[in-house]
Amino acid sequence: MSKNKPELLSPAGDMEKLKFALAYGADAVYLGGDRFSLRTKSGNFDAEEIAAAVAYAHGLGKKVYVAVNVFAHNEDIAALPPFLAALAEIGPDGLLISDPGVFLLAREHAPSLPIHISTQANNVNWKTARFWRELGAERIVLGRELTLAEIREIRAKTDMELELFVHGAMCMAYSGRCLLSNFLTGRDANRGACAHPCRWRYALVEAERPGEYLPVEEDGHGSYILNSRDLALLPYLPELVKAGVDSLKIEGRVKSAYYAAVVTGVYRRAVDDLFEDEEAFRARIPAYMAELETVSHRRYFPGFLPGRPDEGGYRYDTSAYVRRYDFIAVVKGYDEEKGRVLLEQRNHFRRGETAEFVPAGEAPCALKLESLFDEEGTAIEKAPHAQMTVAVPSPRRFPPLTVVRRKKQDV
């Protein structure tokens, strides 16, 4: 393609996920501190850990962006300056901000750090992009509610960098700015503590008949009327590149390390294939999408990109994830003398099962676990203990951080 290759930006909920995302091809990762980020359920990073994360990524020639995208209350204002000053000392490659007050504090206390405007700021038109550009922001994270035509127009009317979510969970609220969680549970989604009540089952209640719940659907099982499908824009990558999107963002700081690895790996291969041979990329779309089916998700759809979603954008029957594989181990190394790959257990597995190794940039490789050995070299029947080291005979050497999975038997 004639356009510049966009950045692939992956989530890093903790240091382990950061390492997986970078190993599987991310150009940059985004993470949150232990305060002022909109993902309080992810592992997150304190100042020392952010410094370690930045040093690790920069050592690989990769970038780190720090989310400071909370909607700050008065009580947050006093604590933000020292936090921002500490980030300025650490030197990440940008700050993700949504609140104008936090923006002003960042300009004052971390003037050396580029500012990216978070999608939480409802960035859905070119005039908003120009507004933030004039204030000094370098990048804007576009709202998920935009169509391809709208993205093209924003690109034509601003010179700032455009970042777009291409994969992951969708929120029923406008750009994620929801009050349901705060109202129903006291957990403020706009301060990072969403309880995801949009995924709950709902029914109708008539005012004069309390306690009589009328199912929205005829089958009597209730309805998940706010339960959006997950976003997957991989088939639209050529159009997004031609539209001038600079950064392709994967959602999922609270998702697993396996998710970070596999989804990043699929999009890495897809982007690289696209720039090498667009026709070949299009022929491989079914294979890419099949691999994306191996991570936990809520059925895929293209969001708003082709136009306003219809009822097909929601799952009304269940809010459960589709889970077809278990993440069972990660490769630690290879014992050359004995010809064994060394695994760190992440889920129980046993001798005789068939596992799939998923090396970065390569197709999955099936290997039957004919024998298992513990750290002392003793043969064992199963690996039941969390993070125990297990050796498995293998003629192939898999690089460290290769994820290992097992297909579920009931799917």
Protein backbone atom coordinates (compact mmCIF):
# COMPACT_ATOMS: atom_id res chain seq x y z
CA MET A 1 0.00 0.00 0.00
CA SER A 2 1.14 3.56 -0.63
CA LYS A 3 0.06 4.86 2.78
CA ASN A 4 2.33 4.75 5.83
CA LYS A 5 1.96 1.66 7.98
CA PRO A 6 -0.13 2.52 11.07
CA GLU A 7 1.00 1.88 14.60
CA LEU A 8 -0.40 -1.25 16.27
CA LEU A 9 -1.35 -0.30 19.84
CA SER A 10 -2.14 -3.01 22.39
CA PRO A 11 -3.41 -3.07 25.98
CA ALA A 12 -1.13 -3.67 28.95
CA GLY A 13 -3.13 -4.26 32.12
CA ASP A 14 0.02 -5.34 33.95
CA MET A 15 3.69 -6.04 33.24
CA GLU A 16 3.08 -9.57 32.05
CA LYS A 17 0.48 -8.45 29.51
CA LEU A 18 2.83 -5.70 28.36
CA LYS A 19 5.54 -8.25 27.65
CA PHE A 20 3.15 -10.52 25.75
CA ALA A 21 1.78 -7.65 23.66
CA LEU A 22 5.26 -6.48 22.68
CA ALA A 23 6.49 -10.01 22.01
CA TYR A 24 3.54 -10.58 19.65
CA GLY A 25 4.20 -7.49 17.59
CA ALA A 26 2.69 -4.38 19.16
CA ASP A 27 4.46 -1.15 18.21
CA ALA A 28 3.20 0.48 21.39
CA VAL A 29 1.18 -0.33 24.50
CA TYR A 30 -1.09 1.71 26.72
CA LEU A 31 -1.35 1.24 30.47
CA GLY A 32 -2.78 2.89 33.55
CA GLY A 33 -1.27 4.01 36.81
CA ASP A 34 -2.63 2.89 40.15
CA ARG A 35 -4.70 6.08 40.16
CA PHE A 36 -6.47 8.27 37.59
CA SER A 37 -7.08 5.54 35.01
CA LEU A 38 -10.41 4.19 33.80
CA ARG A 39 -9.62 0.53 34.43
CA THR A 40 -9.38 -0.01 38.18
CA LYS A 41 -9.90 -3.78 37.73
CA SER A 42 -6.73 -4.24 35.69
CA GLY A 43 -3.45 -4.84 37.48
CA ASN A 44 -2.20 -1.32 36.70
CA PHE A 45 1.21 0.12 37.57
CA ASP A 46 2.64 2.22 40.36
CA ALA A 47 5.28 4.82 39.51
CA GLU A 48 8.17 2.37 39.88
CA GLU A 49 6.40 -0.17 37.68
CA ILE A 50 5.61 2.46 35.04
CA ALA A 51 9.31 3.33 34.96
CA ALA A 52 10.17 -0.35 34.52
CA ALA A 53 7.56 -0.73 31.79
CA VAL A 54 8.85 2.29 29.88
CA ALA A 55 12.45 1.11 30.18
CA TYR A 56 11.49 -2.37 28.97
CA ALA A 57 9.52 -1.10 25.97
CA HIS A 58 12.09 1.51 25.01
CA GLY A 59 14.74 -1.18 25.14
CA LEU A 60 12.81 -2.93 22.36
CA GLY A 61 12.31 0.25 20.39
CA LYS A 62 8.61 0.33 21.34
CA LYS A 63 6.41 3.03 22.92
CA VAL A 64 4.30 3.35 26.07
CA TYR A 65 1.31 5.61 26.58
CA VAL A 66 -0.10 6.19 30.07
CA ALA A 67 -3.84 6.63 30.58
CA VAL A 68 -4.72 9.52 32.89
CA ASN A 69 -8.24 9.62 31.50
CA VAL A 70 -10.28 9.78 34.69
CA PHE A 71 -12.99 12.44 34.97
CA ALA A 72 -11.42 14.19 37.93
CA HIS A 73 -13.39 15.36 40.96
CA ASN A 74 -12.17 18.12 43.26
CA GLU A 75 -10.52 15.59 45.55
CA ASP A 76 -8.33 14.43 42.65
CA ILE A 77 -6.91 17.82 41.79
CA ALA A 78 -4.39 18.03 44.62
CA ALA A 79 -3.03 14.53 43.95
CA LEU A 80 -2.65 14.92 40.18
CA PRO A 81 0.34 17.36 40.02
CA PRO A 82 2.84 15.08 41.81
CA PHE A 83 1.62 12.09 39.79
CA LEU A 84 2.03 13.99 36.52
CA ALA A 85 5.43 15.33 37.58
CA ALA A 86 6.56 11.77 38.32
CA LEU A 87 5.43 10.70 34.84
CA ALA A 88 7.40 13.57 33.33
CA GLU A 89 10.51 12.21 35.06
CA ILE A 90 9.84 8.69 33.78
CA GLY A 91 9.31 9.80 30.18
CA PRO A 92 6.54 7.72 28.58
CA ASP A 93 5.68 8.55 24.98
CA GLY A 94 2.34 10.18 25.70
CA LEU A 95 -0.52 10.71 28.13
CA LEU A 96 -4.12 9.74 27.40
CA ILE A 97 -6.39 12.45 28.83
CA SER A 98 -10.12 13.13 28.60
CA ASP A 99 -10.78 15.81 31.24
CA PRO A 100 -9.98 19.45 30.32
CA GLY A 101 -8.85 20.13 33.89
CA VAL A 102 -6.43 17.22 33.80
CA PHE A 103 -5.26 18.49 30.41
CA LEU A 104 -4.35 21.87 31.95
CA LEU A 105 -2.56 20.19 34.85
CA ALA A 106 -0.59 18.02 32.44
CA ARG A 107 0.49 21.07 30.45
CA GLU A 108 1.70 22.65 33.69
CA HIS A 109 3.33 19.70 35.45
CA ALA A 110 4.40 17.46 32.56
CA PRO A 111 4.92 19.87 29.65
CA SER A 112 7.43 17.59 27.95
CA LEU A 113 4.93 14.75 27.44
CA PRO A 114 2.73 14.56 24.33
CA ILE A 115 -0.99 14.50 25.06
CA HIS A 116 -3.45 12.16 23.35
CA ILE A 117 -7.14 12.91 23.81
CA SER A 118 -9.00 9.84 25.06
CA THR A 119 -12.10 8.50 23.33
CA GLN A 120 -13.94 9.31 26.58
CA ALA A 121 -13.86 12.94 25.47
CA ASN A 122 -16.39 12.06 22.73
CA ASN A 123 -14.22 12.80 19.71
CA VAL A 124 -16.65 12.41 16.83
CA ASN A 125 -16.14 15.46 14.60
CA TRP A 126 -13.35 17.40 12.92
CA LYS A 127 -14.06 20.63 14.82
CA THR A 128 -13.37 18.86 18.11
CA ALA A 129 -10.11 17.54 16.66
CA ARG A 130 -9.09 21.07 15.69
CA PHE A 131 -10.03 22.36 19.15
CA TRP A 132 -7.69 19.94 20.88
CA ARG A 133 -5.00 20.48 18.26
CA GLU A 134 -5.02 24.23 18.90
CA LEU A 135 -4.57 23.54 22.61
CA GLY A 136 -1.49 21.44 21.88
CA ALA A 137 -2.71 17.85 21.76
CA GLU A 138 -0.84 15.65 19.28
CA ARG A 139 -3.31 12.79 18.87
CA ILE A 140 -7.02 12.19 19.22
CA VAL A 141 -8.61 8.82 19.94
CA LEU A 142 -11.70 8.72 17.76
CA GLY A 143 -15.08 7.72 19.16
CA ARG A 144 -16.33 4.25 18.33
CA GLU A 145 -19.55 5.83 17.01
CA LEU A 146 -17.93 7.06 13.78
CA THR A 147 -18.56 5.72 10.30
CA LEU A 148 -15.78 5.29 7.77
CA ALA A 149 -17.03 8.33 5.85
CA GLU A 150 -16.85 10.46 9.01
CA ILE A 151 -13.31 9.29 9.73
CA ARG A 152 -12.27 10.27 6.21
CA GLU A 153 -13.72 13.75 6.68
CA ILE A 154 -11.95 14.23 10.03
CA ARG A 155 -8.68 13.15 8.40
CA ALA A 156 -9.21 15.65 5.57
CA LYS A 157 -9.80 18.54 7.98
CA THR A 158 -7.12 18.05 10.62
CA ASP A 159 -3.42 17.24 10.66
CA MET A 160 -3.30 15.65 14.13
CA GLU A 161 -2.71 11.93 14.60
CA LEU A 162 -5.84 9.76 14.57
CA GLU A 163 -6.14 6.69 16.76
CA LEU A 164 -9.05 4.26 16.42
CA PHE A 165 -10.25 1.23 18.37
CA VAL A 166 -10.33 -1.69 15.95
CA HIS A 167 -10.95 -4.60 18.30
CA GLY A 168 -12.52 -5.36 21.65
CA ALA A 169 -15.51 -4.67 23.86
CA MET A 170 -18.12 -2.09 22.92
CA CYS A 171 -20.09 -0.03 25.44
CA MET A 172 -23.81 0.68 25.13
CA ALA A 173 -23.16 4.24 26.37
CA TYR A 174 -21.90 7.03 24.16
CA SER A 175 -18.10 6.67 24.00
CA GLY A 176 -18.27 4.77 27.26
CA ARG A 177 -19.62 7.67 29.34
CA CYS A 178 -22.19 5.73 31.35
CA LEU A 179 -24.11 6.42 34.58
CA LEU A 180 -25.75 3.01 34.97
CA SER A 181 -22.99 1.53 37.12
CA ASN A 182 -22.91 4.49 39.50
CA PHE A 183 -26.69 4.55 39.79
CA LEU A 184 -27.18 0.82 40.34
CA THR A 185 -24.05 -0.14 42.30
CA GLY A 186 -22.31 3.04 43.43
CA ARG A 187 -19.31 2.18 41.26
CA ASP A 188 -18.46 5.08 38.97
CA ALA A 189 -17.64 4.02 35.41
CA ASN A 190 -16.21 7.48 34.75
CA ARG A 191 -13.64 6.93 37.46
CA GLY A 192 -12.65 3.45 36.34
CA ALA A 193 -14.91 1.23 38.47
CA CYS A 194 -17.64 0.09 36.05
CA ALA A 195 -19.66 -2.94 37.20
CA HIS A 196 -20.92 -3.56 33.63
CA PRO A 197 -24.66 -3.50 34.43
CA CYS A 198 -25.32 -3.26 30.69
CA ARG A 199 -24.48 -6.96 30.57
CA TRP A 200 -27.17 -7.91 33.09
CA ARG A 201 -30.49 -9.49 32.25
CA TYR A 202 -33.44 -7.09 32.19
CA ALA A 203 -37.23 -7.38 32.13
CA LEU A 204 -40.17 -4.95 32.12
CA VAL A 205 -42.10 -4.05 35.28
CA GLU A 206 -45.50 -2.33 35.17
CA ALA A 207 -45.78 0.46 37.77
CA GLU A 208 -48.94 -0.89 39.41
CA ARG A 209 -47.71 -4.50 39.52
CA PRO A 210 -44.42 -4.51 41.47
CA GLY A 211 -42.73 -7.88 41.52
CA GLU A 212 -44.26 -9.01 38.22
CA TYR A 213 -41.43 -9.19 35.72
CA LEU A 214 -42.36 -9.35 32.06
CA PRO A 215 -39.66 -10.84 29.81
CA VAL A 216 -38.82 -8.73 26.81
CA GLU A 217 -38.52 -11.81 24.65
CA GLU A 218 -41.18 -14.42 24.08
CA ASP A 219 -39.09 -17.37 25.21
CA GLY A 220 -39.37 -16.34 28.84
CA HIS A 221 -35.66 -16.34 29.59
CA GLY A 222 -35.39 -12.59 29.84
CA SER A 223 -33.37 -10.32 27.60
CA TYR A 224 -29.96 -8.68 27.60
CA ILE A 225 -31.18 -5.58 25.77
CA LEU A 226 -28.04 -3.46 26.39
CA ASN A 227 -25.49 -6.20 25.70
CA SER A 228 -23.34 -5.14 22.74
CA ARG A 229 -21.32 -7.51 20.62
CA ASP A 230 -17.54 -7.05 20.45
CA LEU A 231 -15.85 -4.95 17.82
CA ALA A 232 -13.65 -6.54 15.12
CA LEU A 233 -12.54 -4.29 12.27
CA LEU A 234 -9.80 -6.51 10.85
CA PRO A 235 -11.59 -6.99 7.49
CA TYR A 236 -11.70 -3.19 7.14
CA LEU A 237 -7.98 -2.56 7.63
CA PRO A 238 -7.38 -1.50 4.00
CA GLU A 239 -10.14 1.09 4.23
CA LEU A 240 -8.88 2.37 7.58
CA VAL A 241 -5.33 2.73 6.30
CA LYS A 242 -6.53 4.56 3.19
CA ALA A 243 -8.69 6.79 5.40
CA GLY A 244 -5.54 7.93 7.20
CA VAL A 245 -5.83 6.27 10.62
CA ASP A 246 -2.42 6.50 12.30
CA SER A 247 -2.86 4.07 15.18
CA LEU A 248 -4.92 0.87 15.36
CA LYS A 249 -5.94 0.26 18.95
CA ILE A 250 -6.92 -3.01 20.62
CA GLU A 251 -9.17 -2.77 23.68
CA GLY A 252 -8.59 -5.03 26.67
CA ARG A 253 -6.52 -3.93 29.66
CA VAL A 254 -8.63 -6.19 31.88
CA LYS A 255 -8.42 -9.12 29.46
CA SER A 256 -5.94 -11.98 29.87
CA ALA A 257 -2.31 -12.21 28.80
CA TYR A 258 -3.45 -14.84 26.30
CA TYR A 259 -5.88 -12.34 24.81
CA ALA A 260 -3.18 -9.68 24.55
CA ALA A 261 -0.84 -12.11 22.81
CA VAL A 262 -3.24 -13.71 20.34
CA VAL A 263 -5.18 -10.63 19.28
CA THR A 264 -2.01 -8.58 18.92
CA GLY A 265 -0.42 -11.39 16.92
CA VAL A 266 -3.35 -11.65 14.51
CA TYR A 267 -3.48 -7.91 13.84
CA ARG A 268 0.31 -7.79 13.48
CA ARG A 269 0.25 -10.45 10.78
CA ALA A 270 -2.76 -8.83 9.11
CA VAL A 271 -1.19 -5.37 8.93
CA ASP A 272 2.12 -6.72 7.68
CA ASP A 273 0.39 -8.91 5.10
CA LEU A 274 -1.71 -5.97 3.95
CA PHE A 275 1.35 -3.84 3.25
CA GLU A 276 3.08 -6.68 1.48
CA ASP A 277 0.19 -7.84 -0.70
CA GLU A 278 -3.36 -6.53 -0.30
CA GLU A 279 -4.87 -9.32 -2.39
CA ALA A 280 -3.20 -11.94 -0.23
CA PHE A 281 -4.40 -10.12 2.89
CA ARG A 282 -8.01 -10.27 1.70
CA ALA A 283 -7.69 -13.96 0.91
CA ARG A 284 -6.46 -14.60 4.46
CA ILE A 285 -9.28 -12.73 6.25
CA PRO A 286 -11.18 -15.97 7.08
CA ALA A 287 -8.02 -17.39 8.66
CA TYR A 288 -7.41 -14.22 10.69
CA MET A 289 -10.99 -14.20 11.93
CA ALA A 290 -10.83 -17.89 12.80
CA GLU A 291 -7.83 -17.19 15.02
CA LEU A 292 -9.64 -14.27 16.68
CA GLU A 293 -12.39 -16.75 17.56
CA THR A 294 -9.92 -18.56 19.84
CA VAL A 295 -9.98 -15.77 22.44
CA SER A 296 -12.85 -15.10 24.82
CA HIS A 297 -15.30 -12.67 23.19
CA ARG A 298 -18.96 -11.73 22.76
CA ARG A 299 -19.45 -12.44 19.05
CA TYR A 300 -17.99 -9.95 16.60
CA PHE A 301 -19.49 -7.18 14.51
CA PRO A 302 -18.09 -4.10 12.73
CA GLY A 303 -19.63 -1.51 15.03
CA PHE A 304 -20.53 1.83 13.47
CA LEU A 305 -17.90 1.73 10.74
CA PRO A 306 -20.18 0.61 7.86
CA GLY A 307 -23.09 2.66 9.23
CA ARG A 308 -25.43 2.79 12.19
CA PRO A 309 -25.71 -0.72 13.75
CA ASP A 310 -29.08 -2.43 13.71
CA GLU A 311 -30.42 -4.98 16.19
CA GLY A 312 -27.70 -7.38 15.03
CA GLY A 313 -25.18 -5.41 17.06
CA TYR A 314 -26.54 -6.84 20.32
CA ARG A 315 -26.83 -10.27 21.91
CA TYR A 316 -30.27 -10.54 23.47
CA ASP A 317 -30.11 -14.16 24.61
CA THR A 318 -27.00 -14.19 26.78
CA SER A 319 -24.18 -12.01 28.09
CA ALA A 320 -21.79 -14.95 28.32
CA TYR A 321 -18.47 -14.91 26.51
CA VAL A 322 -17.66 -17.33 23.71
CA ARG A 323 -14.73 -19.39 25.01
CA ARG A 324 -13.38 -22.10 22.75
CA TYR A 325 -9.86 -22.53 24.16
CA ASP A 326 -8.17 -22.65 27.55
CA PHE A 327 -4.85 -20.88 28.06
CA ILE A 328 -2.80 -23.63 29.74
CA ALA A 329 0.84 -22.55 29.71
CA VAL A 330 3.52 -20.19 28.48
CA VAL A 331 6.94 -21.21 27.17
CA LYS A 332 9.85 -20.38 29.49
CA GLY A 333 12.67 -21.87 27.47
CA TYR A 334 14.07 -25.02 25.90
CA ASP A 335 16.24 -27.77 27.37
CA GLU A 336 18.69 -28.47 24.55
CA GLU A 337 20.22 -31.48 26.22
CA LYS A 338 16.95 -33.34 26.71
CA GLY A 339 14.98 -31.88 23.81
CA ARG A 340 12.22 -30.58 26.04
CA VAL A 341 10.28 -27.33 25.94
CA LEU A 342 9.89 -25.78 29.39
CA LEU A 343 6.40 -24.55 30.26
CA GLU A 344 5.00 -22.41 33.06
CA GLN A 345 1.53 -23.72 33.92
CA ARG A 346 -1.47 -21.36 33.68
CA ASN A 347 -4.31 -23.89 33.75
CA HIS A 348 -4.36 -27.60 34.59
CA PHE A 349 -3.35 -30.02 31.86
CA ARG A 350 -2.37 -33.67 31.75
CA ARG A 351 -0.35 -36.21 29.82
CA GLY A 352 -1.97 -37.39 26.59
CA GLU A 353 -3.75 -34.14 25.79
CA THR A 354 -3.05 -32.22 22.59
CA ALA A 355 -1.90 -28.63 23.03
CA GLU A 356 -1.51 -25.85 20.50
CA PHE A 357 1.59 -23.67 20.63
CA VAL A 358 1.02 -20.21 19.14
CA PRO A 359 4.38 -18.61 18.30
CA ALA A 360 4.42 -14.91 17.47
CA GLY A 361 4.07 -14.37 13.73
CA GLU A 362 3.46 -18.02 12.93
CA ALA A 363 0.56 -20.43 12.55
CA PRO A 364 -0.40 -22.49 15.63
CA CYS A 365 1.43 -25.80 16.02
CA ALA A 366 -0.29 -28.83 17.59
CA LEU A 367 1.77 -31.03 19.90
CA LYS A 368 0.54 -34.09 21.77
CA LEU A 369 1.78 -34.07 25.34
CA GLU A 370 3.09 -37.63 25.32
CA SER A 371 5.15 -37.13 28.49
CA LEU A 372 5.35 -34.55 31.28
CA PHE A 373 8.24 -33.96 33.67
CA ASP A 374 8.54 -31.77 36.76
CA GLU A 375 11.53 -29.58 37.63
CA GLU A 376 13.39 -32.56 39.13
CA GLY A 377 12.93 -34.53 35.91
CA THR A 378 10.37 -36.89 37.43
CA ALA A 379 7.61 -38.10 35.09
CA ILE A 380 4.20 -36.78 36.12
CA GLU A 381 0.67 -37.41 34.90
CA LYS A 382 -0.67 -33.87 35.19
CA ALA A 383 0.19 -30.26 35.95
CA PRO A 384 -2.28 -29.11 38.61
CA HIS A 385 -0.28 -26.40 40.39
CA ALA A 386 -0.34 -22.75 39.39
CA GLN A 387 2.80 -21.60 37.57
CA MET A 388 4.64 -24.87 38.12
CA THR A 389 7.39 -25.63 35.61
CA VAL A 390 6.71 -28.59 33.34
CA ALA A 391 9.02 -30.06 30.68
CA VAL A 392 7.50 -31.55 27.54
CA PRO A 393 9.45 -33.44 24.84
CA SER A 394 9.37 -31.43 21.62
CA PRO A 395 11.45 -31.57 18.45
CA ARG A 396 10.69 -27.92 17.88
CA ARG A 397 12.11 -25.00 19.86
CA PHE A 398 9.47 -22.43 20.73
CA PRO A 399 10.62 -18.96 21.83
CA PRO A 400 9.95 -17.72 25.36
CA LEU A 401 6.52 -16.11 25.89
CA THR A 402 4.90 -18.41 23.32
CA VAL A 403 1.36 -19.06 24.56
CA VAL A 404 0.06 -22.63 24.77
CA ARG A 405 -3.64 -23.46 24.63
CA ARG A 406 -6.01 -26.42 24.64
CA LYS A 407 -9.27 -26.62 22.74
CA LYS A 408 -12.29 -27.01 25.00
CA GLN A 409 -13.98 -30.38 24.68
CA ASP A 410 -17.53 -29.05 25.02
CA VAL A 411 -17.52 -26.64 22.05
